[in-house]
C-alpha atoms as a PDB file:
ATOM      1  CA  MET A   1     113.188 -99.500 -81.566  1.00  0.00           C
ATOM      2  CA  LYS A   2     111.052 -98.893 -84.614  1.00  0.00           C
ATOM      3  CA  VAL A   3     107.544 -97.444 -84.281  1.00  0.00           C
ATOM      4  CA  LEU A   4     104.798 -96.764 -86.815  1.00  0.00           C
ATOM      5  CA  LEU A   5     102.769 -93.611 -86.138  1.00  0.00           C
ATOM      6  CA  VAL A   6      99.436 -93.367 -87.976  1.00  0.00           C
ATOM      7  CA  GLU A   7      98.063 -89.888 -87.312  1.00  0.00           C
ATOM      8  CA  ASP A   8      96.475 -87.377 -89.689  1.00  0.00           C
ATOM      9  CA  ASN A   9      96.693 -84.292 -87.465  1.00  0.00           C
ATOM     10  CA  GLU A  10      99.941 -82.559 -88.412  1.00  0.00           C
ATOM     11  CA  ARG A  11     100.340 -80.809 -85.065  1.00  0.00           C
ATOM     12  CA  VAL A  12      99.920 -84.040 -83.112  1.00  0.00           C
ATOM     13  CA  SER A  13     102.086 -86.088 -85.455  1.00  0.00           C
ATOM     14  CA  SER A  14     104.914 -83.534 -85.376  1.00  0.00           C
ATOM     15  CA  PHE A  15     104.751 -83.436 -81.574  1.00  0.00           C
ATOM     16  CA  VAL A  16     104.851 -87.228 -81.254  1.00  0.00           C
ATOM     17  CA  ARG A  17     107.502 -87.751 -83.933  1.00  0.00           C
ATOM     18  CA  LYS A  18     109.800 -85.179 -82.383  1.00  0.00           C
ATOM     19  CA  GLY A  19     109.426 -86.647 -78.903  1.00  0.00           C
ATOM     20  CA  LEU A  20     109.900 -90.256 -79.966  1.00  0.00           C
ATOM     21  CA  THR A  21     112.897 -89.405 -82.141  1.00  0.00           C
ATOM     22  CA  GLU A  22     114.527 -87.599 -79.228  1.00  0.00           C
ATOM     23  CA  ALA A  23     113.786 -90.661 -77.080  1.00  0.00           C
ATOM     24  CA  GLY A  24     115.758 -92.804 -79.519  1.00  0.00           C
ATOM     25  CA  TYR A  25     112.956 -94.365 -81.550  1.00  0.00           C
ATOM     26  CA  THR A  26     112.990 -94.721 -85.336  1.00  0.00           C
ATOM     27  CA  ILE A  27     109.651 -93.502 -86.724  1.00  0.00           C
ATOM     28  CA  ASP A  28     107.640 -94.247 -89.842  1.00  0.00           C
ATOM     29  CA  HIS A  29     104.588 -92.028 -90.311  1.00  0.00           C
ATOM     30  CA  ALA A  30     101.349 -92.308 -92.284  1.00  0.00           C
ATOM     31  CA  ASP A  31      98.643 -89.634 -92.321  1.00  0.00           C
ATOM     32  CA  ASN A  32      95.760 -91.715 -93.699  1.00  0.00           C
ATOM     33  CA  GLY A  33      94.242 -95.143 -93.284  1.00  0.00           C
ATOM     34  CA  ARG A  34      95.343 -96.599 -96.613  1.00  0.00           C
ATOM     35  CA  ASP A  35      99.025 -95.749 -96.144  1.00  0.00           C
ATOM     36  CA  GLY A  36      98.855 -96.775 -92.502  1.00  0.00           C
ATOM     37  CA  MET A  37      97.506-100.191 -93.458  1.00  0.00           C
ATOM     38  CA  PHE A  38     100.147-100.586 -96.161  1.00  0.00           C
ATOM     39  CA  LEU A  39     103.022 -99.860 -93.768  1.00  0.00           C
ATOM     40  CA  ALA A  40     101.584-101.844 -90.863  1.00  0.00           C
ATOM     41  CA  ALA A  41     101.083-104.929 -93.023  1.00  0.00           C
ATOM     42  CA  GLY A  42     104.320-104.687 -94.964  1.00  0.00           C
ATOM     43  CA  GLU A  43     106.926-103.638 -92.397  1.00  0.00           C
ATOM     44  CA  SER A  44     108.098-104.945 -89.035  1.00  0.00           C
ATOM     45  CA  TYR A  45     107.602-102.667 -86.015  1.00  0.00           C
ATOM     46  CA  ASP A  46     108.197-102.921 -82.288  1.00  0.00           C
ATOM     47  CA  ALA A  47     104.951-100.999 -81.711  1.00  0.00           C
ATOM     48  CA  ILE A  48     102.260 -98.979 -83.498  1.00  0.00           C
ATOM     49  CA  VAL A  49     100.694 -95.713 -82.327  1.00  0.00           C
ATOM     50  CA  MET A  50      97.314 -95.542 -84.045  1.00  0.00           C
ATOM     51  CA  ASP A  51      94.944 -92.595 -84.321  1.00  0.00           C
ATOM     52  CA  ARG A  52      91.376 -93.851 -84.211  1.00  0.00           C
ATOM     53  CA  MET A  53      89.744 -91.498 -86.734  1.00  0.00           C
ATOM     54  CA  LEU A  54      91.595 -91.311 -90.053  1.00  0.00           C
ATOM     55  CA  PRO A  55      90.848 -90.054 -93.558  1.00  0.00           C
ATOM     56  CA  GLY A  56      90.521 -92.686 -96.242  1.00  0.00           C
ATOM     57  CA  ASP A  57      88.636 -95.926 -96.719  1.00  0.00           C
ATOM     58  CA  ILE A  58      89.735 -97.455 -93.424  1.00  0.00           C
ATOM     59  CA  ASP A  59      89.982 -95.976 -89.938  1.00  0.00           C
ATOM     60  CA  GLY A  60      92.252 -96.894 -87.046  1.00  0.00           C
ATOM     61  CA  LEU A  61      90.033 -99.619 -85.637  1.00  0.00           C
ATOM     62  CA  GLY A  62      89.638-101.124 -89.094  1.00  0.00           C
ATOM     63  CA  ILE A  63      93.412-101.302 -89.498  1.00  0.00           C
ATOM     64  CA  ILE A  64      93.815-102.920 -86.078  1.00  0.00           C
ATOM     65  CA  ALA A  65      91.105-105.503 -86.751  1.00  0.00           C
ATOM     66  CA  ALA A  66      92.658-106.347 -90.127  1.00  0.00           C
ATOM     67  CA  LEU A  67      96.102-106.780 -88.573  1.00  0.00           C
ATOM     68  CA  ARG A  68      94.790-109.045 -85.836  1.00  0.00           C
ATOM     69  CA  ARG A  69      93.028-111.205 -88.422  1.00  0.00           C
ATOM     70  CA  THR A  70      96.409-111.822 -90.069  1.00  0.00           C
ATOM     71  CA  GLY A  71      97.858-112.959 -86.747  1.00  0.00           C
ATOM     72  CA  SER A  72      99.891-109.822 -86.080  1.00  0.00           C
ATOM     73  CA  ARG A  73     100.791-109.415 -82.409  1.00  0.00           C
ATOM     74  CA  THR A  74     102.512-106.032 -82.694  1.00  0.00           C
ATOM     75  CA  PRO A  75     101.611-103.889 -79.636  1.00  0.00           C
ATOM     76  CA  ILE A  76      99.196-101.092 -80.598  1.00  0.00           C
ATOM     77  CA  LEU A  77      98.504 -97.912 -78.632  1.00  0.00           C
ATOM     78  CA  ILE A  78      95.295 -96.186 -79.747  1.00  0.00           C
ATOM     79  CA  LEU A  79      95.078 -92.374 -79.706  1.00  0.00           C
ATOM     80  CA  SER A  80      91.589 -90.880 -79.694  1.00  0.00           C
ATOM     81  CA  ALA A  81      89.601 -87.815 -78.711  1.00  0.00           C
ATOM     82  CA  LEU A  82      86.717 -90.175 -77.843  1.00  0.00           C
ATOM     83  CA  SER A  83      86.931 -90.579 -74.093  1.00  0.00           C
ATOM     84  CA  ASP A  84      83.704 -92.418 -73.185  1.00  0.00           C
ATOM     85  CA  VAL A  85      84.186 -95.747 -71.450  1.00  0.00           C
ATOM     86  CA  ASP A  86      82.219 -97.545 -74.178  1.00  0.00           C
ATOM     87  CA  GLU A  87      84.525 -96.100 -76.836  1.00  0.00           C
ATOM     88  CA  ARG A  88      87.623 -97.185 -74.946  1.00  0.00           C
ATOM     89  CA  ILE A  89      86.188-100.672 -74.554  1.00  0.00           C
ATOM     90  CA  ARG A  90      85.435-100.813 -78.262  1.00  0.00           C
ATOM     91  CA  GLY A  91      89.001 -99.801 -79.067  1.00  0.00           C
ATOM     92  CA  LEU A  92      90.461-102.501 -76.857  1.00  0.00           C
ATOM     93  CA  GLN A  93      88.036-105.124 -78.125  1.00  0.00           C
ATOM     94  CA  SER A  94      89.061-104.327 -81.703  1.00  0.00           C
ATOM     95  CA  GLY A  95      92.565-105.529 -80.849  1.00  0.00           C
ATOM     96  CA  GLY A  96      94.237-102.459 -79.378  1.00  0.00           C
ATOM     97  CA  ASP A  97      96.541-103.051 -76.411  1.00  0.00           C
ATOM     98  CA  ASP A  98      96.126 -99.641 -74.761  1.00  0.00           C
ATOM     99  CA  TYR A  99      94.042 -96.510 -75.246  1.00  0.00           C
ATOM    100  CA  LEU A 100      95.229 -92.938 -74.662  1.00  0.00           C
ATOM    101  CA  VAL A 101      92.769 -90.045 -74.786  1.00  0.00           C
ATOM    102  CA  LYS A 102      93.691 -86.763 -76.488  1.00  0.00           C
ATOM    103  CA  PRO A 103      95.006 -84.360 -75.371  1.00  0.00           C
ATOM    104  CA  PHE A 104      97.768 -86.241 -73.614  1.00  0.00           C
ATOM    105  CA  ALA A 105     101.160 -85.615 -72.044  1.00  0.00           C
ATOM    106  CA  PHE A 106     104.036 -86.968 -74.094  1.00  0.00           C
ATOM    107  CA  GLY A 107     105.613 -88.485 -70.993  1.00  0.00           C
ATOM    108  CA  GLU A 108     102.542 -90.660 -70.497  1.00  0.00           C
ATOM    109  CA  LEU A 109     102.543 -91.761 -74.138  1.00  0.00           C
ATOM    110  CA  LEU A 110     106.213 -92.727 -73.878  1.00  0.00           C
ATOM    111  CA  ALA A 111     105.680 -94.626 -70.618  1.00  0.00           C
ATOM    112  CA  ARG A 112     102.705 -96.541 -72.041  1.00  0.00           C
ATOM    113  CA  LEU A 113     104.619 -97.344 -75.229  1.00  0.00           C
ATOM    114  CA  ASP A 114     107.624 -98.644 -73.306  1.00  0.00           C
ATOM    115  CA  ALA A 115     105.322-100.766 -71.134  1.00  0.00           C
ATOM    116  CA  LEU A 116     103.629-102.291 -74.202  1.00  0.00           C
ATOM    117  CA  VAL A 117     106.972-103.229 -75.738  1.00  0.00           C
ATOM    118  CA  ARG A 118     108.190-104.765 -72.479  1.00  0.00           C
ATOM    119  CA  ARG A 119     105.023-106.830 -72.156  1.00  0.00           C
ATOM    120  CA  ALA A 120     105.293-107.971 -75.772  1.00  0.00           C
ATOM    121  CA  ASN A 121     108.783-109.242 -75.001  1.00  0.00           C
ATOM    122  CA  GLY A 122     107.607-111.077 -71.926  1.00  0.00           C
ATOM    123  CA  GLY A 123     109.040-108.423 -69.662  1.00  0.00           C
ATOM    124  CA  ASN A 124     112.506-109.427 -70.824  1.00  0.00           C
ATOM    125  CA  SER A 125     113.325-106.536 -73.131  1.00  0.00           C
ATOM    126  CA  VAL A 126     116.884-105.283 -72.856  1.00  0.00           C
ATOM    127  CA  THR A 127     117.109-102.162 -70.698  1.00  0.00           C
ATOM    128  CA  THR A 128     120.890-101.970 -70.248  1.00  0.00           C
ATOM    129  CA  LEU A 129     123.691-102.139 -72.799  1.00  0.00           C
ATOM    130  CA  SER A 130     127.349-102.607 -71.888  1.00  0.00           C
ATOM    131  CA  VAL A 131     130.630-102.596 -73.790  1.00  0.00           C
ATOM    132  CA  GLY A 132     133.586-102.998 -71.482  1.00  0.00           C
ATOM    133  CA  GLU A 133     133.255-100.422 -68.711  1.00  0.00           C
ATOM    134  CA  LEU A 134     130.816 -98.337 -70.796  1.00  0.00           C
ATOM    135  CA  THR A 135     127.179 -98.774 -69.729  1.00  0.00           C
ATOM    136  CA  MET A 136     123.921 -97.344 -71.100  1.00  0.00           C
ATOM    137  CA  ASP A 137     120.623 -97.469 -69.189  1.00  0.00           C
ATOM    138  CA  LEU A 138     117.881 -97.267 -71.815  1.00  0.00           C
ATOM    139  CA  LEU A 139     115.158 -96.394 -69.298  1.00  0.00           C
ATOM    140  CA  SER A 140     116.892 -93.591 -67.384  1.00  0.00           C
ATOM    141  CA  ARG A 141     118.932 -92.657 -70.499  1.00  0.00           C
ATOM    142  CA  LYS A 142     122.044 -92.512 -68.359  1.00  0.00           C
ATOM    143  CA  VAL A 143     125.470 -93.361 -69.750  1.00  0.00           C
ATOM    144  CA  THR A 144     128.495 -94.076 -67.579  1.00  0.00           C
ATOM    145  CA  ARG A 145     132.070 -95.173 -68.147  1.00  0.00           C
ATOM    146  CA  SER A 146     133.954 -96.578 -65.195  1.00  0.00           C
ATOM    147  CA  GLY A 147     131.230 -95.185 -62.960  1.00  0.00           C
ATOM    148  CA  LYS A 148     131.520 -91.629 -64.307  1.00  0.00           C
ATOM    149  CA  THR A 149     128.505 -90.052 -66.003  1.00  0.00           C
ATOM    150  CA  VAL A 150     128.842 -89.247 -69.708  1.00  0.00           C
ATOM    151  CA  THR A 151     126.520 -86.421 -70.747  1.00  0.00           C
ATOM    152  CA  LEU A 152     125.177 -86.860 -74.280  1.00  0.00           C
ATOM    153  CA  GLN A 153     122.887 -84.913 -76.575  1.00  0.00           C
ATOM    154  CA  PRO A 154     119.858 -86.843 -77.928  1.00  0.00           C
ATOM    155  CA  ARG A 155     121.505 -87.594 -81.298  1.00  0.00           C
ATOM    156  CA  GLU A 156     124.727 -88.660 -79.606  1.00  0.00           C
ATOM    157  CA  PHE A 157     122.745 -90.991 -77.350  1.00  0.00           C
ATOM    158  CA  LYS A 158     121.027 -92.561 -80.341  1.00  0.00           C
ATOM    159  CA  LEU A 159     124.341 -92.924 -82.165  1.00  0.00           C
ATOM    160  CA  LEU A 160     125.955 -94.592 -79.166  1.00  0.00           C
ATOM    161  CA  GLU A 161     122.961 -96.900 -78.695  1.00  0.00           C
ATOM    162  CA  TYR A 162     123.262 -98.036 -82.314  1.00  0.00           C
ATOM    163  CA  LEU A 163     126.996 -98.665 -81.935  1.00  0.00           C
ATOM    164  CA  MET A 164     126.483-100.550 -78.656  1.00  0.00           C
ATOM    165  CA  ARG A 165     123.801-102.749 -80.200  1.00  0.00           C
ATOM    166  CA  HIS A 166     126.321-103.576 -82.944  1.00  0.00           C
ATOM    167  CA  ALA A 167     129.352-103.926 -80.676  1.00  0.00           C
ATOM    168  CA  ASP A 168     132.373-105.698 -82.188  1.00  0.00           C
ATOM    169  CA  GLN A 169     130.914-105.224 -85.665  1.00  0.00           C
ATOM    170  CA  VAL A 170     132.067-102.857 -88.388  1.00  0.00           C
ATOM    171  CA  VAL A 171     129.341-100.242 -88.845  1.00  0.00           C
ATOM    172  CA  THR A 172     129.417 -98.329 -92.121  1.00  0.00           C
ATOM    173  CA  ARG A 173     128.470 -94.693 -92.600  1.00  0.00           C
ATOM    174  CA  THR A 174     125.486 -95.832 -94.661  1.00  0.00           C
ATOM    175  CA  MET A 175     124.271 -98.012 -91.785  1.00  0.00           C
ATOM    176  CA  LEU A 176     124.569 -95.069 -89.400  1.00  0.00           C
ATOM    177  CA  LEU A 177     122.777 -92.695 -91.764  1.00  0.00           C
ATOM    178  CA  GLU A 178     119.856 -95.127 -91.986  1.00  0.00           C
ATOM    179  CA  GLY A 179     119.810 -96.312 -88.385  1.00  0.00           C
ATOM    180  CA  VAL A 180     120.484 -93.028 -86.578  1.00  0.00           C
ATOM    181  CA  TRP A 181     119.423 -90.267 -88.960  1.00  0.00           C
ATOM    182  CA  ASP A 182     116.778 -92.275 -90.875  1.00  0.00           C
ATOM    183  CA  TYR A 183     118.354 -91.170 -94.164  1.00  0.00           C
ATOM    184  CA  HIS A 184     117.882 -93.638 -96.990  1.00  0.00           C
ATOM    185  CA  PHE A 185     120.223 -91.659 -99.218  1.00  0.00           C
ATOM    186  CA  ASP A 186     123.658 -90.106 -98.853  1.00  0.00           C
ATOM    187  CA  PRO A 187     123.242 -86.375 -98.078  1.00  0.00           C
ATOM    188  CA  GLN A 188     126.871 -85.838 -99.095  1.00  0.00           C
ATOM    189  CA  THR A 189     127.818 -84.277 -95.772  1.00  0.00           C
ATOM    190  CA  ASN A 190     130.241 -85.232 -93.009  1.00  0.00           C
ATOM    191  CA  VAL A 191     127.461 -85.360 -90.404  1.00  0.00           C
ATOM    192  CA  VAL A 192     128.384 -88.906 -89.364  1.00  0.00           C
ATOM    193  CA  ASP A 193     132.082 -88.156 -88.957  1.00  0.00           C
ATOM    194  CA  VAL A 194     131.385 -84.998 -86.963  1.00  0.00           C
ATOM    195  CA  HIS A 195     129.041 -86.746 -84.527  1.00  0.00           C
ATOM    196  CA  VAL A 196     131.330 -89.762 -84.171  1.00  0.00           C
ATOM    197  CA  SER A 197     134.237 -87.424 -83.389  1.00  0.00           C
ATOM    198  CA  LYS A 198     132.227 -85.637 -80.691  1.00  0.00           C
ATOM    199  CA  LEU A 199     131.030 -88.931 -79.247  1.00  0.00           C
ATOM    200  CA  ARG A 200     134.577 -90.303 -79.146  1.00  0.00           C
ATOM    201  CA  GLN A 201     135.759 -87.268 -77.211  1.00  0.00           C
ATOM    202  CA  LYS A 202     133.078 -87.894 -74.590  1.00  0.00           C
ATOM    203  CA  ILE A 203     133.291 -91.645 -74.073  1.00  0.00           C
ATOM    204  CA  ASP A 204     137.043 -92.101 -74.547  1.00  0.00           C
ATOM    205  CA  ALA A 205     138.268 -88.917 -72.836  1.00  0.00           C
ATOM    206  CA  GLY A 206     140.933 -89.785 -70.265  1.00  0.00           C
ATOM    207  CA  ALA A 207     140.583 -93.526 -70.826  1.00  0.00           C
ATOM    208  CA  GLU A 208     143.625 -95.743 -71.195  1.00  0.00           C
ATOM    209  CA  ARG A 209     141.972 -97.819 -73.906  1.00  0.00           C
ATOM    210  CA  PRO A 210     139.708 -96.255 -76.562  1.00  0.00           C
ATOM    211  CA  LEU A 211     136.457 -98.061 -77.315  1.00  0.00           C
ATOM    212  CA  LEU A 212     135.335 -96.235 -80.468  1.00  0.00           C
ATOM    213  CA  LYS A 213     137.607 -97.174 -83.335  1.00  0.00           C
ATOM    214  CA  THR A 214     137.792 -95.980 -86.938  1.00  0.00           C
ATOM    215  CA  ILE A 215     138.128 -98.861 -89.393  1.00  0.00           C
ATOM    216  CA  ARG A 216     139.929 -97.451 -92.411  1.00  0.00           C
ATOM    217  CA  ASN A 217     137.910 -97.465 -95.636  1.00  0.00           C
ATOM    218  CA  ALA A 218     135.064 -99.271 -93.859  1.00  0.00           C
ATOM    219  CA  GLY A 219     133.457 -97.333 -91.000  1.00  0.00           C
ATOM    220  CA  TYR A 220     133.527 -97.583 -87.225  1.00  0.00           C
ATOM    221  CA  MET A 221     133.528-100.189 -84.494  1.00  0.00           C
ATOM    222  CA  LEU A 222     132.731 -99.984 -80.806  1.00  0.00           C
ATOM    223  CA  SER A 223     134.674-102.675 -79.030  1.00  0.00           C
ATOM    224  CA  ALA A 224     136.399-103.379 -75.740  1.00  0.00           C
ATOM    225  CA  ASN A 225     138.735-105.808 -77.509  1.00  0.00           C
ATOM    226  CA  ASP A 226     142.159-104.692 -78.709  1.00  0.00           C
END
């Protein structure tokens, strides 16, 4: 899932970006109101995490109000040090979907964000992915093959999620660099090949039929079909 974080405090933004990236989210970040408005209006996101007080000509509530006027229904979680009930009401009335007071625990932010996305999808958001006997639970972050747990590092989990969402499709290295590492350029390294190799060892180890295939001169494919 893709999330926009609009937060000017570097410590907070680094903390949130790191946590959401490890949780498998793709993050865009803006540290002022103008850039936040530009990204929010011009890109498509599953959710927005919006700091209330921002430098620039427009603050968080101004961005939210402007988005709602355009008909945007993207779920928005407001972050603010203002904890008074009246301030929380004002944030929600401006068009925010939830309001989290600073300081906060990352686990709560993640739970609230997941809940907003589920509600936006009518409670029907996909929580489990399957390819053959390989299953991924997106909520518990548990992966199993034939009932046996597969232990993955955060980047491996994100890589596998991307491949499972594109099952039976050829996925190029460029697609993986953008979708998993958020690189919009080729770093001229074998980072993709190394991680794919490690992932293959974990999900295909001891299996009669490999799921993760290398497509020569094209990329990779995760498929239960021969």
